[in-house]
Protein backbone atom coordinates (compact mmCIF):
# COMPACT_ATOMS: atom_id res chain seq x y z
CA MET A 1 24.26 82.48 -46.33
CA ARG A 2 26.23 79.39 -47.12
CA GLN A 3 26.21 76.74 -44.43
CA ALA A 4 29.31 75.50 -42.68
CA ALA A 5 30.15 71.84 -42.98
CA ALA A 6 32.13 69.75 -40.56
CA ALA A 7 35.78 70.58 -39.95
CA GLY A 8 38.74 68.24 -40.41
CA ARG A 9 37.98 64.71 -41.46
CA ALA A 10 34.54 64.76 -39.92
CA PRO A 11 31.29 63.85 -41.65
CA GLY A 12 30.31 66.57 -44.08
CA ARG A 13 33.77 68.02 -44.70
CA SER A 14 33.82 70.99 -47.06
CA GLN A 15 36.82 72.26 -48.94
CA ALA A 16 35.47 75.80 -49.02
CA GLY A 17 32.92 77.79 -47.12
CA PRO A 18 32.40 80.42 -44.46
CA ARG A 19 34.65 80.92 -41.46
CA PRO A 20 34.28 78.04 -38.93
CA LEU A 21 31.62 78.41 -36.27
CA GLY A 22 34.12 77.73 -33.53
CA GLY A 23 36.35 80.64 -34.50
CA PRO A 24 37.09 83.68 -32.39
CA THR A 25 34.24 85.74 -33.80
CA ASP A 26 30.51 85.20 -33.73
CA VAL A 27 28.59 83.76 -36.65
CA VAL A 28 26.54 86.44 -38.39
CA VAL A 29 23.00 85.33 -39.18
CA GLY A 30 19.98 87.08 -40.57
CA ARG A 31 20.50 90.78 -41.28
CA GLY A 32 23.55 91.57 -39.21
CA ALA A 33 22.26 89.89 -36.07
CA PRO A 34 25.16 88.13 -34.30
CA SER A 35 24.52 84.79 -32.68
CA LYS A 36 27.13 82.82 -30.81
CA PRO A 37 27.39 79.15 -31.90
CA LEU A 38 25.69 76.63 -29.64
CA GLN A 39 27.00 73.20 -28.73
CA ALA A 40 24.38 70.68 -29.74
CA TYR A 41 23.38 67.09 -30.40
CA VAL A 42 20.54 65.98 -32.69
CA LEU A 43 17.99 64.02 -30.66
CA HIS A 44 15.40 63.47 -33.40
CA HIS A 45 14.28 64.80 -36.75
CA TYR A 46 10.97 65.08 -38.59
CA ASP A 47 10.18 65.68 -42.23
CA TRP A 48 8.92 69.25 -42.70
CA SER A 49 8.78 69.43 -46.49
CA GLU A 50 10.29 67.65 -49.49
CA SER A 51 13.60 69.40 -48.87
CA SER A 52 13.62 70.44 -45.21
CA LEU A 53 13.67 68.97 -41.69
CA ILE A 54 12.51 69.89 -38.22
CA LEU A 55 15.21 68.94 -35.71
CA ASP A 56 14.97 68.46 -31.98
CA LEU A 57 18.34 69.60 -30.65
CA PHE A 58 19.84 69.26 -27.19
CA THR A 59 22.06 72.28 -26.70
CA ARG A 60 24.36 73.07 -23.81
CA GLU A 61 23.48 76.74 -23.66
CA ARG A 62 19.70 76.72 -24.23
CA GLY A 63 18.52 73.17 -23.53
CA ARG A 64 16.15 71.42 -25.95
CA MET A 65 15.28 73.43 -29.02
CA ALA A 66 13.24 72.85 -32.16
CA VAL A 67 14.90 74.16 -35.31
CA VAL A 68 14.06 74.03 -38.99
CA ALA A 69 16.89 73.01 -41.33
CA LYS A 70 15.84 74.34 -44.72
CA GLY A 71 17.15 72.37 -47.68
CA ALA A 72 18.82 69.75 -45.45
CA LYS A 73 17.26 66.87 -47.44
CA ARG A 74 18.63 68.04 -50.77
CA PRO A 75 21.23 65.62 -52.19
CA TYR A 76 24.05 68.17 -52.22
CA SER A 77 23.21 70.01 -48.98
CA GLN A 78 26.23 70.41 -46.71
CA LEU A 79 23.89 70.00 -43.74
CA ARG A 80 22.72 66.58 -44.91
CA VAL A 81 25.86 64.76 -43.76
CA VAL A 82 26.40 66.85 -40.63
CA LEU A 83 23.02 66.64 -38.89
CA LEU A 84 23.44 63.11 -37.56
CA PRO A 85 22.57 61.73 -34.12
CA PHE A 86 25.28 61.30 -31.47
CA GLN A 87 27.58 63.81 -33.16
CA HIS A 88 28.84 66.83 -31.22
CA LEU A 89 27.94 69.88 -33.30
CA LEU A 90 28.33 73.64 -33.30
CA VAL A 91 25.21 75.26 -34.71
CA GLY A 92 24.35 78.82 -35.70
CA LEU A 93 20.71 79.97 -35.53
CA GLY A 94 18.73 82.74 -37.09
CA ARG A 95 17.53 85.92 -35.42
CA SER A 96 14.60 84.15 -33.72
CA ALA A 97 17.14 82.40 -31.49
CA ASP A 98 17.18 85.60 -29.41
CA GLU A 99 13.42 85.68 -29.05
CA ASP A 100 12.14 83.72 -26.04
CA SER A 101 8.66 83.46 -27.54
CA ALA A 102 9.87 81.60 -30.65
CA GLU A 103 8.96 77.91 -30.62
CA VAL A 104 10.90 76.94 -33.74
CA HIS A 105 14.18 78.57 -34.75
CA THR A 106 15.94 78.63 -38.08
CA LEU A 107 19.17 76.71 -38.46
CA ARG A 108 21.68 78.77 -40.44
CA ALA A 109 24.87 76.71 -40.09
CA ALA A 110 26.21 73.56 -38.51
CA GLU A 111 29.58 71.87 -38.28
CA TRP A 112 31.07 68.88 -36.54
CA ALA A 113 32.77 69.90 -33.29
CA GLY A 114 34.98 66.81 -33.00
CA GLY A 115 34.77 63.85 -30.68
CA VAL A 116 34.22 60.14 -31.03
CA PRO A 117 32.87 58.47 -34.18
CA MET A 118 29.16 57.82 -34.40
CA PRO A 119 28.29 54.62 -32.52
CA GLY A 120 27.10 51.72 -34.59
CA GLY A 121 25.64 48.23 -34.25
CA ALA A 122 24.41 47.29 -30.79
CA ALA A 123 25.42 50.68 -29.37
CA LEU A 124 22.69 52.42 -31.36
CA ILE A 125 19.82 51.06 -29.24
CA PRO A 126 21.07 52.43 -25.88
CA GLY A 127 22.00 55.65 -27.68
CA PHE A 128 18.46 56.12 -28.98
CA TYR A 129 17.18 55.14 -25.52
CA LEU A 130 19.09 58.10 -24.01
CA ASN A 131 17.71 60.38 -26.71
CA GLU A 132 14.16 59.28 -25.99
CA LEU A 133 14.64 59.95 -22.26
CA LEU A 134 15.80 63.49 -23.02
CA LEU A 135 12.92 64.08 -25.43
CA ARG A 136 10.34 62.87 -22.92
CA LEU A 137 11.69 64.38 -19.70
CA LEU A 138 13.24 67.70 -20.63
CA ALA A 139 11.22 70.85 -21.18
CA ARG A 140 12.17 73.12 -24.08
CA GLN A 141 14.40 76.15 -23.44
CA ASP A 142 15.53 74.79 -20.08
CA PRO A 143 19.34 74.49 -20.12
CA HIS A 144 21.15 71.77 -18.19
CA PRO A 145 24.89 72.15 -18.89
CA ALA A 146 25.87 69.37 -16.49
CA LEU A 147 23.42 66.97 -18.15
CA PHE A 148 24.77 67.94 -21.58
CA ASP A 149 28.28 67.12 -20.39
CA ALA A 150 27.06 63.80 -18.96
CA TYR A 151 25.44 62.94 -22.30
CA ALA A 152 28.66 63.73 -24.15
CA ALA A 153 30.58 61.55 -21.68
CA VAL A 154 28.29 58.52 -21.90
CA LEU A 155 28.28 58.17 -25.71
CA PRO A 156 31.83 56.78 -26.02
CA ALA A 157 31.06 54.13 -23.39
CA LEU A 158 28.14 52.69 -25.38
CA GLY A 159 30.47 51.02 -27.86
CA SER A 160 32.32 49.06 -25.18
CA SER A 161 32.38 45.26 -25.43
CA ASP A 162 32.13 45.14 -21.62
CA ASP A 163 28.40 44.97 -20.86
CA ALA A 164 28.91 45.79 -17.18
CA ARG A 165 30.76 48.98 -18.18
CA VAL A 166 27.92 49.97 -20.52
CA GLN A 167 25.28 49.30 -17.87
CA ALA A 168 27.14 51.33 -15.25
CA ALA A 169 27.47 54.23 -17.69
CA LEU A 170 23.74 54.12 -18.48
CA ARG A 171 22.75 54.04 -14.82
CA ALA A 172 25.07 56.95 -14.06
CA PHE A 173 23.42 59.00 -16.81
CA GLU A 174 19.92 58.11 -15.59
CA LEU A 175 20.83 59.26 -12.07
CA THR A 176 22.24 62.51 -13.41
CA LEU A 177 19.11 63.09 -15.53
CA LEU A 178 16.76 62.50 -12.60
CA ARG A 179 18.79 64.80 -10.37
CA GLU A 180 18.91 67.54 -13.00
CA ILE A 181 15.14 67.59 -13.47
CA GLY A 182 14.64 67.68 -9.71
CA VAL A 183 12.94 64.33 -9.01
CA LEU A 184 15.78 62.33 -7.44
CA PRO A 185 15.68 62.35 -3.61
CA ASP A 186 18.84 62.56 -1.54
CA LEU A 187 20.16 59.04 -1.43
CA ASP A 188 22.13 59.24 1.84
CA VAL A 189 19.13 59.80 4.13
CA LEU A 190 15.69 58.30 4.64
CA THR A 191 13.39 60.52 2.60
CA GLN A 192 10.52 60.75 5.08
CA THR A 193 12.56 61.29 8.26
CA LEU A 194 15.87 62.65 6.91
CA GLN A 195 17.66 60.23 9.23
CA PRO A 196 21.09 59.01 8.01
CA LEU A 197 21.24 55.50 6.60
CA GLN A 198 22.60 52.56 8.49
CA ALA A 199 25.53 51.08 6.57
CA GLU A 200 24.43 47.44 6.67
CA ALA A 201 20.65 47.93 6.64
CA ARG A 202 18.76 47.21 3.44
CA HIS A 203 16.98 50.01 1.64
CA ALA A 204 14.76 50.54 -1.38
CA LEU A 205 14.30 53.53 -3.68
CA ARG A 206 10.60 53.94 -4.47
CA PRO A 207 9.00 56.55 -6.74
CA GLU A 208 6.28 57.56 -4.27
CA VAL A 209 8.23 57.62 -1.01
CA GLY A 210 11.93 57.86 -1.91
CA VAL A 211 14.51 55.98 0.19
CA ILE A 212 13.01 53.60 2.76
CA VAL A 213 14.18 50.74 4.98
CA VAL A 214 13.16 47.25 3.86
CA GLY A 215 13.68 43.76 5.22
CA SER A 216 16.82 41.85 4.37
CA GLU A 217 14.79 39.40 2.28
CA ALA A 218 13.72 42.21 -0.07
CA GLY A 219 17.22 42.74 -1.45
CA GLY A 220 17.66 46.37 -2.40
CA PHE A 221 20.64 48.56 -1.49
CA SER A 222 22.92 48.64 1.49
CA GLY A 223 23.27 52.00 3.19
CA THR A 224 26.90 52.04 2.08
CA GLN A 225 25.91 51.73 -1.59
CA LEU A 226 23.40 54.58 -1.45
CA VAL A 227 25.76 56.88 0.45
CA ALA A 228 28.45 56.19 -2.17
CA LEU A 229 26.02 57.05 -4.99
CA GLN A 230 25.06 60.33 -3.31
CA ALA A 231 28.70 61.25 -2.69
CA ALA A 232 29.59 60.57 -6.32
CA LEU A 233 26.67 62.68 -7.55
CA ALA A 234 27.72 65.54 -5.30
CA HIS A 235 31.35 65.27 -6.36
CA GLY A 236 30.49 65.46 -10.07
CA SER A 237 33.07 62.90 -11.17
CA VAL A 238 31.87 60.67 -14.01
CA ASP A 239 34.29 57.91 -13.09
CA ALA A 240 33.31 58.01 -9.42
CA LEU A 241 29.62 57.82 -10.25
CA ARG A 242 30.09 54.92 -12.67
CA SER A 243 32.13 53.07 -10.07
CA ALA A 244 29.41 53.55 -7.47
CA CYS A 245 26.79 52.40 -9.97
CA ALA A 246 28.80 49.30 -10.84
CA ALA A 247 28.82 48.30 -7.18
CA ALA A 248 25.01 48.41 -7.03
CA LEU A 249 23.97 47.42 -10.56
CA PRO A 250 21.31 44.73 -9.94
CA ALA A 251 19.30 46.83 -7.46
CA LEU A 252 19.97 50.13 -9.27
CA ARG A 253 18.69 48.97 -12.64
CA GLY A 254 15.31 47.94 -11.27
CA ALA A 255 14.95 50.99 -9.02
CA LEU A 256 15.76 53.47 -11.76
CA ARG A 257 13.44 51.73 -14.21
CA GLU A 258 10.55 52.15 -11.74
CA LEU A 259 11.50 55.76 -11.04
CA LEU A 260 11.74 56.66 -14.73
CA HIS A 261 8.48 54.88 -15.56
CA TYR A 262 6.73 56.80 -12.78
CA HIS A 263 7.85 60.18 -14.09
CA LEU A 264 7.39 59.31 -17.76
CA GLY A 265 3.75 58.40 -17.26
CA SER A 266 1.88 55.47 -18.75
CA MET A 267 3.38 55.62 -22.24
CA LYS A 268 6.04 52.96 -22.75
CA LEU A 269 9.42 53.94 -24.14
CA ARG A 270 9.71 52.87 -27.76
CA THR A 271 13.35 51.88 -27.44
CA ARG A 272 12.55 49.53 -24.54
CA GLN A 273 9.82 47.94 -26.66
CA VAL A 274 12.31 47.49 -29.52
CA MET A 275 14.80 45.83 -27.14
CA ALA A 276 12.08 43.54 -25.82
CA ASP A 277 11.07 42.55 -29.35
CA VAL A 278 14.67 41.83 -30.28
CA ARG A 279 15.07 39.57 -27.22
CA LYS A 280 11.94 37.66 -28.22
CA LEU A 281 13.34 37.09 -31.68
CA LEU A 282 16.65 35.88 -30.28
CA ASP A 283 14.92 33.57 -27.81
CA ARG A 284 12.49 32.10 -30.34
CA PRO A 285 13.06 28.36 -30.92
CA SER A 286 14.55 27.68 -34.31
CA ALA A 287 13.95 24.79 -36.62
CA HIS A 288 17.71 24.78 -37.03
CA PRO A 289 19.25 25.11 -33.58
CA SER A 290 22.74 25.44 -34.95
CA ALA A 291 21.68 28.62 -36.75
CA ARG A 292 20.69 30.45 -33.56
CA PRO A 293 22.89 33.45 -32.69
């Protein structure tokens, strides 16, 4: 079966080929086995052979999936220019996609589903950070449609020149991720007693005990900030959640870092290490101060 390339003026456009995956009928794969196209993003890829790749996909319908893209590394493969990170795709899988016991599925077709251009420059590092979080915290074959939508919504914000806007978008995604995998406590009550928060009291969010009261000298969150975060999460509005995150950024960044580290285990995120190394390079004294960025 020939593979579908991206539609319109997307990466991997093809002048001829099979009917688009997003059309009114299902894609036919294998020997007459119909398979509906899946919405997907490429999280990571691995070399499988001289001509093929193993892809880790994040799909809206089936969660994380491992697929083999045969021939994707060949110079003239239509898949080569479509299977890029941060691009919204429609993918068609082989017959094993309907078998729950299959660990690796066969990719039959892929096309660009539209959306924003691939982020570049400084936006790549937070983008790969999000991908690493999904790879480390999501189980395979465990769908999270709301998290998929949150991922699609955060990508356009990464290219913003407003750092505060980028940070609020990242914190909003982290909160959504932690809630979706079931490890985020309710933020509008004290975790151990389920008592409502006092608006002006100071609180902390700790991995082992959840939301607790702390002294005013410890900083942390006001009750109003945590209640606003919980309300925005419950409402499901991306804008409302980012606004609530922006109002609590200093405390939220540290609290979520601790919470993520706790649930990730001892292994350090590679993207955080890369960011730390970059900062060291930028902060290194130069023999020519005028040449420093």
